[in-house]
Amino acid sequence: MKLKEDSELIEITKKFSGAVKKFTAREYKEAAAEFENIIEEYKDSEFYSVLEIQTKSKSYKNMCDQKTSRNKAPAETEDDILNELLFYIHTEDYKEAEKVVKKLESRKVNSPYSVYLRALLSFRQNEIDEGLALLKKVISKDARYKIIANNEPDLHTLHENEEFLAIIE
């Protein structure tokens, strides 16, 4: 059974990485189509790690749809704001991402997902110690983030960092 999960996880990770590359290149229509394919193809997966990436694809597809929509609605709900933060992280617009973090802090949003995104932002900005501290915080709130962090394409470079490995094990 483990082989099937590994195989499915490798397959979805490749597809997800390709879609994220298109998203980062601001090819939103193409990325949306790839995310939609991931959502449909893996909606019935029996593996949590695969479903986690499938769920992330939904967030990315929503962001692609917002970027290609002619009617720009302001980010008002917590989910909208978190999607906005994820967008700025992956387009490497860290200045705007920091503004969104301040908005989250002013609203006292401290959900595990918001802490996880702040950790990703820290890692992306090469603030490894802060990222590790935030990752510890999110895992203390929700242990499933160990699996998520381990499978996060953005964090693969940390798989040689002993402190990171100790946190996700």
N, C-alpha and C. Protein backbone atom coordinates (compact mmCIF):
# COMPACT_ATOMS: atom_id res chain seq x y z
N MET A 1 0.83 -1.19 0.00
CA MET A 1 0.00 0.00 0.00
C MET A 1 0.87 1.25 0.00
N LYS A 2 1.98 1.20 0.71
CA LYS A 2 2.88 2.35 0.78
C LYS A 2 3.42 2.71 -0.60
N LEU A 3 3.67 1.70 -1.44
CA LEU A 3 4.19 1.97 -2.78
C LEU A 3 3.17 2.75 -3.61
N LYS A 4 1.89 2.42 -3.47
CA LYS A 4 0.85 3.13 -4.21
C LYS A 4 0.80 4.58 -3.75
N GLU A 5 0.90 4.80 -2.44
CA GLU A 5 0.88 6.17 -1.93
C GLU A 5 2.09 6.94 -2.43
N ASP A 6 3.26 6.34 -2.35
CA ASP A 6 4.47 7.01 -2.83
C ASP A 6 4.36 7.35 -4.31
N SER A 7 3.87 6.42 -5.09
CA SER A 7 3.73 6.63 -6.52
C SER A 7 2.76 7.78 -6.82
N GLU A 8 1.63 7.78 -6.13
CA GLU A 8 0.63 8.83 -6.34
C GLU A 8 1.16 10.18 -5.86
N LEU A 9 1.90 10.18 -4.77
CA LEU A 9 2.47 11.42 -4.23
C LEU A 9 3.52 12.00 -5.18
N ILE A 10 4.35 11.16 -5.74
CA ILE A 10 5.36 11.62 -6.70
C ILE A 10 4.69 12.20 -7.93
N GLU A 11 3.66 11.52 -8.41
CA GLU A 11 2.94 11.96 -9.60
C GLU A 11 2.27 13.32 -9.38
N ILE A 12 1.54 13.47 -8.28
CA ILE A 12 0.83 14.73 -8.03
C ILE A 12 1.82 15.86 -7.75
N THR A 13 2.93 15.55 -7.10
CA THR A 13 3.93 16.58 -6.80
C THR A 13 4.52 17.14 -8.09
N LYS A 14 4.79 16.27 -9.06
CA LYS A 14 5.32 16.74 -10.35
C LYS A 14 4.31 17.65 -11.04
N LYS A 15 3.06 17.22 -11.06
CA LYS A 15 2.01 18.02 -11.71
C LYS A 15 1.82 19.34 -10.99
N PHE A 16 1.81 19.29 -9.66
CA PHE A 16 1.62 20.50 -8.86
C PHE A 16 2.78 21.47 -9.08
N SER A 17 4.00 20.96 -9.09
CA SER A 17 5.18 21.81 -9.30
C SER A 17 5.11 22.49 -10.66
N GLY A 18 4.68 21.76 -11.68
CA GLY A 18 4.55 22.35 -13.01
C GLY A 18 3.50 23.44 -13.04
N ALA A 19 2.38 23.21 -12.37
CA ALA A 19 1.32 24.22 -12.32
C ALA A 19 1.78 25.45 -11.55
N VAL A 20 2.52 25.25 -10.47
CA VAL A 20 3.02 26.38 -9.67
C VAL A 20 4.02 27.20 -10.50
N LYS A 21 4.82 26.53 -11.31
CA LYS A 21 5.76 27.26 -12.19
C LYS A 21 4.99 28.17 -13.14
N LYS A 22 3.92 27.68 -13.70
CA LYS A 22 3.10 28.52 -14.59
C LYS A 22 2.46 29.66 -13.81
N PHE A 23 2.02 29.36 -12.60
CA PHE A 23 1.43 30.38 -11.74
C PHE A 23 2.46 31.47 -11.44
N THR A 24 3.67 31.06 -11.08
CA THR A 24 4.74 32.00 -10.75
C THR A 24 5.12 32.84 -11.97
N ALA A 25 5.01 32.24 -13.15
CA ALA A 25 5.31 32.96 -14.39
C ALA A 25 4.13 33.83 -14.83
N ARG A 26 3.10 33.86 -14.01
CA ARG A 26 1.88 34.66 -14.25
C ARG A 26 1.09 34.18 -15.48
N GLU A 27 1.21 32.90 -15.77
CA GLU A 27 0.42 32.27 -16.84
C GLU A 27 -0.82 31.68 -16.17
N TYR A 28 -1.71 32.56 -15.73
CA TYR A 28 -2.80 32.17 -14.86
C TYR A 28 -3.83 31.25 -15.52
N LYS A 29 -4.16 31.47 -16.77
CA LYS A 29 -5.14 30.60 -17.43
C LYS A 29 -4.61 29.17 -17.56
N GLU A 30 -3.35 29.05 -17.98
CA GLU A 30 -2.75 27.74 -18.13
C GLU A 30 -2.60 27.06 -16.77
N ALA A 31 -2.18 27.82 -15.78
CA ALA A 31 -2.02 27.27 -14.43
C ALA A 31 -3.37 26.81 -13.89
N ALA A 32 -4.42 27.62 -14.10
CA ALA A 32 -5.76 27.26 -13.61
C ALA A 32 -6.21 25.94 -14.21
N ALA A 33 -5.94 25.73 -15.49
CA ALA A 33 -6.32 24.48 -16.13
C ALA A 33 -5.57 23.30 -15.51
N GLU A 34 -4.28 23.48 -15.24
CA GLU A 34 -3.50 22.40 -14.63
C GLU A 34 -3.97 22.11 -13.20
N PHE A 35 -4.25 23.17 -12.43
CA PHE A 35 -4.76 22.96 -11.08
C PHE A 35 -6.12 22.26 -11.13
N GLU A 36 -6.97 22.64 -12.06
CA GLU A 36 -8.28 22.00 -12.21
C GLU A 36 -8.11 20.51 -12.51
N ASN A 37 -7.15 20.16 -13.38
CA ASN A 37 -6.89 18.75 -13.68
C ASN A 37 -6.46 17.98 -12.43
N ILE A 38 -5.60 18.60 -11.62
CA ILE A 38 -5.16 17.97 -10.37
C ILE A 38 -6.35 17.76 -9.44
N ILE A 39 -7.19 18.78 -9.32
CA ILE A 39 -8.36 18.71 -8.43
C ILE A 39 -9.25 17.55 -8.83
N GLU A 40 -9.52 17.43 -10.11
CA GLU A 40 -10.42 16.37 -10.60
C GLU A 40 -9.77 14.98 -10.51
N GLU A 41 -8.52 14.90 -10.94
CA GLU A 41 -7.86 13.60 -11.01
C GLU A 41 -7.65 12.96 -9.64
N TYR A 42 -7.41 13.77 -8.62
CA TYR A 42 -7.06 13.23 -7.30
C TYR A 42 -8.14 13.42 -6.24
N LYS A 43 -9.35 13.80 -6.66
CA LYS A 43 -10.41 14.08 -5.68
C LYS A 43 -10.81 12.86 -4.86
N ASP A 44 -10.59 11.68 -5.37
CA ASP A 44 -10.98 10.47 -4.66
C ASP A 44 -9.79 9.72 -4.07
N SER A 45 -8.65 10.36 -3.96
CA SER A 45 -7.48 9.68 -3.42
C SER A 45 -7.74 9.27 -1.98
N GLU A 46 -7.17 8.14 -1.61
CA GLU A 46 -7.32 7.65 -0.24
C GLU A 46 -6.17 8.10 0.67
N PHE A 47 -5.25 8.87 0.13
CA PHE A 47 -4.06 9.24 0.89
C PHE A 47 -4.09 10.70 1.29
N TYR A 48 -3.88 10.96 2.57
CA TYR A 48 -3.94 12.31 3.11
C TYR A 48 -2.91 13.23 2.44
N SER A 49 -1.70 12.74 2.25
CA SER A 49 -0.64 13.58 1.67
C SER A 49 -1.01 14.02 0.25
N VAL A 50 -1.65 13.15 -0.50
CA VAL A 50 -2.08 13.49 -1.86
C VAL A 50 -3.24 14.48 -1.81
N LEU A 51 -4.19 14.23 -0.91
CA LEU A 51 -5.34 15.13 -0.77
C LEU A 51 -4.92 16.52 -0.30
N GLU A 52 -3.85 16.60 0.47
CA GLU A 52 -3.35 17.91 0.92
C GLU A 52 -2.89 18.74 -0.28
N ILE A 53 -2.17 18.12 -1.20
CA ILE A 53 -1.72 18.83 -2.40
C ILE A 53 -2.91 19.14 -3.30
N GLN A 54 -3.87 18.24 -3.37
CA GLN A 54 -5.07 18.48 -4.16
C GLN A 54 -5.82 19.68 -3.59
N THR A 55 -5.87 19.81 -2.27
CA THR A 55 -6.54 20.94 -1.62
C THR A 55 -5.78 22.24 -1.90
N LYS A 56 -4.47 22.18 -1.87
CA LYS A 56 -3.67 23.37 -2.21
C LYS A 56 -3.96 23.82 -3.63
N SER A 57 -4.18 22.84 -4.50
CA SER A 57 -4.49 23.16 -5.90
C SER A 57 -5.77 23.98 -6.00
N LYS A 58 -6.73 23.70 -5.11
CA LYS A 58 -7.98 24.47 -5.11
C LYS A 58 -7.69 25.93 -4.77
N SER A 59 -6.83 26.16 -3.79
CA SER A 59 -6.48 27.53 -3.41
C SER A 59 -5.81 28.25 -4.58
N TYR A 60 -4.87 27.56 -5.20
CA TYR A 60 -4.17 28.16 -6.34
C TYR A 60 -5.13 28.44 -7.49
N LYS A 61 -6.03 27.51 -7.75
CA LYS A 61 -7.00 27.72 -8.84
C LYS A 61 -7.85 28.94 -8.54
N ASN A 62 -8.27 29.09 -7.29
CA ASN A 62 -9.06 30.27 -6.91
C ASN A 62 -8.27 31.56 -7.17
N MET A 63 -6.99 31.53 -6.84
CA MET A 63 -6.16 32.72 -7.07
C MET A 63 -6.01 32.99 -8.57
N CYS A 64 -5.84 31.94 -9.36
CA CYS A 64 -5.76 32.12 -10.82
C CYS A 64 -7.05 32.72 -11.35
N ASP A 65 -8.17 32.19 -10.85
CA ASP A 65 -9.47 32.71 -11.29
C ASP A 65 -9.62 34.18 -10.91
N GLN A 66 -9.15 34.55 -9.72
CA GLN A 66 -9.23 35.96 -9.30
C GLN A 66 -8.35 36.83 -10.18
N LYS A 67 -7.19 36.33 -10.55
CA LYS A 67 -6.26 37.12 -11.36
C LYS A 67 -6.75 37.29 -12.80
N THR A 68 -7.52 36.33 -13.28
CA THR A 68 -8.00 36.44 -14.65
C THR A 68 -9.40 37.07 -14.72
N SER A 69 -10.02 37.27 -13.56
CA SER A 69 -11.34 37.88 -13.52
C SER A 69 -11.22 39.38 -13.76
N ARG A 70 -12.18 39.91 -14.46
CA ARG A 70 -12.19 41.35 -14.71
C ARG A 70 -12.67 42.13 -13.49
N ASN A 71 -13.42 41.48 -12.64
CA ASN A 71 -13.95 42.14 -11.44
C ASN A 71 -13.07 41.78 -10.25
N LYS A 72 -12.23 42.68 -9.87
CA LYS A 72 -11.33 42.46 -8.75
C LYS A 72 -12.05 42.80 -7.45
N ALA A 73 -12.28 41.80 -6.63
CA ALA A 73 -12.92 42.03 -5.34
C ALA A 73 -11.84 42.15 -4.28
N PRO A 74 -11.99 43.07 -3.36
CA PRO A 74 -10.99 43.19 -2.30
C PRO A 74 -11.01 41.96 -1.39
N ALA A 75 -9.85 41.60 -0.91
CA ALA A 75 -9.74 40.46 0.00
C ALA A 75 -10.31 40.85 1.36
N GLU A 76 -11.43 40.28 1.69
CA GLU A 76 -12.10 40.63 2.94
C GLU A 76 -12.15 39.48 3.93
N THR A 77 -12.44 38.27 3.44
CA THR A 77 -12.54 37.14 4.36
C THR A 77 -11.14 36.64 4.69
N GLU A 78 -11.06 35.88 5.75
CA GLU A 78 -9.77 35.32 6.15
C GLU A 78 -9.19 34.47 5.02
N ASP A 79 -10.03 33.65 4.38
CA ASP A 79 -9.55 32.82 3.27
C ASP A 79 -9.03 33.67 2.11
N ASP A 80 -9.73 34.75 1.81
CA ASP A 80 -9.28 35.65 0.74
C ASP A 80 -7.90 36.23 1.06
N ILE A 81 -7.74 36.64 2.29
CA ILE A 81 -6.47 37.26 2.71
C ILE A 81 -5.35 36.22 2.67
N LEU A 82 -5.64 35.00 3.12
CA LEU A 82 -4.62 33.95 3.08
C LEU A 82 -4.26 33.58 1.65
N ASN A 83 -5.25 33.54 0.76
CA ASN A 83 -4.96 33.29 -0.65
C ASN A 83 -4.11 34.40 -1.24
N GLU A 84 -4.39 35.63 -0.83
CA GLU A 84 -3.60 36.77 -1.29
C GLU A 84 -2.15 36.63 -0.82
N LEU A 85 -1.96 36.23 0.43
CA LEU A 85 -0.62 36.03 0.96
C LEU A 85 0.10 34.93 0.18
N LEU A 86 -0.58 33.83 -0.07
CA LEU A 86 0.02 32.74 -0.83
C LEU A 86 0.42 33.20 -2.23
N PHE A 87 -0.43 34.00 -2.84
CA PHE A 87 -0.13 34.55 -4.16
C PHE A 87 1.16 35.37 -4.12
N TYR A 88 1.27 36.28 -3.17
CA TYR A 88 2.46 37.14 -3.11
C TYR A 88 3.72 36.35 -2.78
N ILE A 89 3.58 35.29 -1.98
CA ILE A 89 4.74 34.45 -1.68
C ILE A 89 5.25 33.80 -2.96
N HIS A 90 4.33 33.24 -3.74
CA HIS A 90 4.75 32.50 -4.93
C HIS A 90 5.09 33.38 -6.12
N THR A 91 4.69 34.62 -6.08
CA THR A 91 5.13 35.53 -7.14
C THR A 91 6.35 36.33 -6.67
N GLU A 92 6.83 35.98 -5.49
CA GLU A 92 8.02 36.58 -4.89
C GLU A 92 7.90 38.09 -4.70
N ASP A 93 6.69 38.54 -4.43
CA ASP A 93 6.44 39.95 -4.12
C ASP A 93 6.37 40.07 -2.59
N TYR A 94 7.54 40.01 -1.98
CA TYR A 94 7.62 39.94 -0.52
C TYR A 94 7.19 41.22 0.16
N LYS A 95 7.34 42.34 -0.50
CA LYS A 95 6.89 43.61 0.06
C LYS A 95 5.38 43.58 0.26
N GLU A 96 4.65 43.12 -0.76
CA GLU A 96 3.19 43.01 -0.65
C GLU A 96 2.81 41.92 0.34
N ALA A 97 3.58 40.83 0.36
CA ALA A 97 3.31 39.74 1.30
C ALA A 97 3.41 40.25 2.74
N GLU A 98 4.40 41.08 3.01
CA GLU A 98 4.55 41.63 4.36
C GLU A 98 3.35 42.51 4.74
N LYS A 99 2.81 43.23 3.76
CA LYS A 99 1.61 44.04 4.03
C LYS A 99 0.43 43.15 4.41
N VAL A 100 0.32 42.03 3.72
CA VAL A 100 -0.77 41.10 4.02
C VAL A 100 -0.58 40.49 5.40
N VAL A 101 0.66 40.17 5.77
CA VAL A 101 0.94 39.64 7.11
C VAL A 101 0.51 40.66 8.16
N LYS A 102 0.79 41.92 7.93
CA LYS A 102 0.37 42.97 8.87
C LYS A 102 -1.16 43.02 8.98
N LYS A 103 -1.83 42.84 7.85
CA LYS A 103 -3.30 42.82 7.85
C LYS A 103 -3.80 41.64 8.69
N LEU A 104 -3.16 40.48 8.52
CA LEU A 104 -3.53 39.30 9.30
C LEU A 104 -3.31 39.54 10.79
N GLU A 105 -2.16 40.15 11.11
CA GLU A 105 -1.85 40.44 12.52
C GLU A 105 -2.84 41.43 13.11
N SER A 106 -3.23 42.44 12.34
CA SER A 106 -4.18 43.43 12.86
C SER A 106 -5.55 42.80 13.11
N ARG A 107 -5.88 41.77 12.36
CA ARG A 107 -7.15 41.06 12.55
C ARG A 107 -7.02 39.91 13.54
N LYS A 108 -5.81 39.74 14.06
CA LYS A 108 -5.51 38.68 15.02
C LYS A 108 -5.81 37.28 14.46
N VAL A 109 -5.50 37.11 13.16
CA VAL A 109 -5.65 35.80 12.51
C VAL A 109 -4.44 34.97 12.89
N ASN A 110 -4.68 33.88 13.56
CA ASN A 110 -3.58 33.05 14.04
C ASN A 110 -3.88 31.57 13.81
N SER A 111 -4.60 31.27 12.73
CA SER A 111 -4.93 29.89 12.40
C SER A 111 -3.65 29.14 12.04
N PRO A 112 -3.66 27.82 12.16
CA PRO A 112 -2.45 27.08 11.76
C PRO A 112 -2.01 27.39 10.33
N TYR A 113 -2.96 27.51 9.42
CA TYR A 113 -2.60 27.79 8.02
C TYR A 113 -1.94 29.16 7.88
N SER A 114 -2.41 30.15 8.60
CA SER A 114 -1.80 31.48 8.51
C SER A 114 -0.37 31.45 9.06
N VAL A 115 -0.17 30.71 10.14
CA VAL A 115 1.18 30.59 10.71
C VAL A 115 2.08 29.84 9.72
N TYR A 116 1.54 28.81 9.08
CA TYR A 116 2.31 28.05 8.10
C TYR A 116 2.73 28.94 6.93
N LEU A 117 1.81 29.76 6.44
CA LEU A 117 2.16 30.66 5.33
C LEU A 117 3.22 31.67 5.76
N ARG A 118 3.13 32.14 6.99
CA ARG A 118 4.17 33.07 7.48
C ARG A 118 5.52 32.35 7.56
N ALA A 119 5.51 31.07 7.92
CA ALA A 119 6.75 30.29 7.93
C ALA A 119 7.31 30.17 6.51
N LEU A 120 6.43 29.87 5.55
CA LEU A 120 6.88 29.79 4.15
C LEU A 120 7.49 31.11 3.69
N LEU A 121 6.84 32.21 4.05
CA LEU A 121 7.37 33.53 3.68
C LEU A 121 8.75 33.73 4.29
N SER A 122 8.91 33.37 5.54
CA SER A 122 10.22 33.50 6.19
C SER A 122 11.28 32.68 5.47
N PHE A 123 10.94 31.43 5.15
CA PHE A 123 11.90 30.59 4.44
C PHE A 123 12.24 31.18 3.08
N ARG A 124 11.24 31.68 2.38
CA ARG A 124 11.47 32.27 1.06
C ARG A 124 12.38 33.50 1.15
N GLN A 125 12.29 34.22 2.27
CA GLN A 125 13.11 35.42 2.45
C GLN A 125 14.44 35.07 3.11
N ASN A 126 14.73 33.77 3.19
CA ASN A 126 15.97 33.27 3.77
C ASN A 126 16.12 33.61 5.25
N GLU A 127 15.00 33.76 5.93
CA GLU A 127 14.98 33.97 7.38
C GLU A 127 14.69 32.62 8.02
N ILE A 128 15.69 31.74 7.97
CA ILE A 128 15.53 30.34 8.34
C ILE A 128 15.14 30.18 9.81
N ASP A 129 15.80 30.90 10.72
CA ASP A 129 15.48 30.75 12.14
C ASP A 129 14.04 31.14 12.45
N GLU A 130 13.58 32.24 11.87
CA GLU A 130 12.19 32.64 12.08
C GLU A 130 11.24 31.63 11.48
N GLY A 131 11.56 31.14 10.29
CA GLY A 131 10.73 30.12 9.65
C GLY A 131 10.63 28.86 10.48
N LEU A 132 11.76 28.44 11.04
CA LEU A 132 11.75 27.24 11.88
C LEU A 132 10.92 27.46 13.15
N ALA A 133 11.02 28.64 13.74
CA ALA A 133 10.23 28.95 14.93
C ALA A 133 8.73 28.92 14.61
N LEU A 134 8.37 29.50 13.47
CA LEU A 134 6.96 29.49 13.06
C LEU A 134 6.49 28.08 12.73
N LEU A 135 7.35 27.29 12.12
CA LEU A 135 7.00 25.92 11.80
C LEU A 135 6.76 25.11 13.08
N LYS A 136 7.61 25.30 14.08
CA LYS A 136 7.40 24.64 15.38
C LYS A 136 6.05 25.04 15.96
N LYS A 137 5.74 26.33 15.86
CA LYS A 137 4.48 26.84 16.41
C LYS A 137 3.27 26.20 15.72
N VAL A 138 3.31 26.13 14.40
CA VAL A 138 2.17 25.57 13.67
C VAL A 138 2.02 24.07 13.96
N ILE A 139 3.13 23.36 14.06
CA ILE A 139 3.06 21.93 14.33
C ILE A 139 2.56 21.68 15.75
N SER A 140 2.87 22.57 16.67
CA SER A 140 2.33 22.41 18.03
C SER A 140 0.81 22.60 18.05
N LYS A 141 0.28 23.38 17.09
CA LYS A 141 -1.17 23.58 16.98
C LYS A 141 -1.83 22.45 16.21
N ASP A 142 -1.14 21.92 15.20
CA ASP A 142 -1.72 20.90 14.33
C ASP A 142 -0.59 20.03 13.78
N ALA A 143 -0.47 18.82 14.29
CA ALA A 143 0.63 17.92 13.93
C ALA A 143 0.61 17.52 12.46
N ARG A 144 -0.53 17.69 11.78
CA ARG A 144 -0.58 17.35 10.35
C ARG A 144 0.38 18.20 9.53
N TYR A 145 0.77 19.35 10.06
CA TYR A 145 1.68 20.21 9.32
C TYR A 145 3.08 19.61 9.20
N LYS A 146 3.39 18.57 9.98
CA LYS A 146 4.65 17.85 9.78
C LYS A 146 4.65 17.23 8.39
N ILE A 147 3.54 16.59 8.04
CA ILE A 147 3.41 15.93 6.73
C ILE A 147 3.41 16.99 5.63
N ILE A 148 2.66 18.05 5.87
CA ILE A 148 2.56 19.11 4.86
C ILE A 148 3.92 19.73 4.60
N ALA A 149 4.66 20.05 5.66
CA ALA A 149 5.98 20.66 5.51
C ALA A 149 6.95 19.70 4.82
N ASN A 150 6.85 18.43 5.16
CA ASN A 150 7.73 17.44 4.55
C ASN A 150 7.49 17.32 3.05
N ASN A 151 6.24 17.51 2.63
CA ASN A 151 5.88 17.37 1.21
C ASN A 151 5.87 18.69 0.47
N GLU A 152 6.14 19.79 1.14
CA GLU A 152 6.09 21.12 0.52
C GLU A 152 7.25 21.30 -0.46
N PRO A 153 6.95 21.49 -1.74
CA PRO A 153 8.03 21.68 -2.72
C PRO A 153 8.96 22.85 -2.37
N ASP A 154 8.42 23.90 -1.76
CA ASP A 154 9.24 25.06 -1.41
C ASP A 154 10.25 24.76 -0.31
N LEU A 155 10.05 23.67 0.42
CA LEU A 155 10.92 23.38 1.56
C LEU A 155 11.88 22.21 1.30
N HIS A 156 11.92 21.72 0.10
CA HIS A 156 12.80 20.58 -0.19
C HIS A 156 14.27 20.89 0.05
N THR A 157 14.65 22.15 -0.08
CA THR A 157 16.05 22.50 0.16
C THR A 157 16.41 22.39 1.64
N LEU A 158 15.41 22.37 2.51
CA LEU A 158 15.66 22.25 3.95
C LEU A 158 15.80 20.80 4.42
N HIS A 159 15.66 19.86 3.53
CA HIS A 159 15.72 18.46 3.92
C HIS A 159 17.11 18.02 4.37
N GLU A 160 18.07 18.91 4.28
CA GLU A 160 19.40 18.63 4.81
C GLU A 160 19.67 19.42 6.08
N ASN A 161 18.72 20.23 6.50
CA ASN A 161 18.84 21.03 7.72
C ASN A 161 18.39 20.17 8.91
N GLU A 162 19.30 19.91 9.83
CA GLU A 162 19.02 19.02 10.95
C GLU A 162 17.88 19.54 11.83
N GLU A 163 17.82 20.83 12.05
CA GLU A 163 16.75 21.38 12.89
C GLU A 163 15.39 21.21 12.21
N PHE A 164 15.35 21.44 10.92
CA PHE A 164 14.11 21.25 10.15
C PHE A 164 13.67 19.79 10.24
N LEU A 165 14.60 18.86 10.02
CA LEU A 165 14.27 17.44 10.08
C LEU A 165 13.78 17.03 11.46
N ALA A 166 14.37 17.60 12.50
CA ALA A 166 13.92 17.28 13.86
C ALA A 166 12.49 17.78 14.09
N ILE A 167 12.14 18.90 13.49
CA ILE A 167 10.80 19.44 13.67
C ILE A 167 9.75 18.60 12.96
N ILE A 168 10.06 18.11 11.76
CA ILE A 168 9.05 17.39 11.00
C ILE A 168 9.01 15.88 11.28
N GLU A 169 9.92 15.37 12.09
CA GLU A 169 9.91 13.93 12.38
C GLU A 169 9.01 13.62 13.55
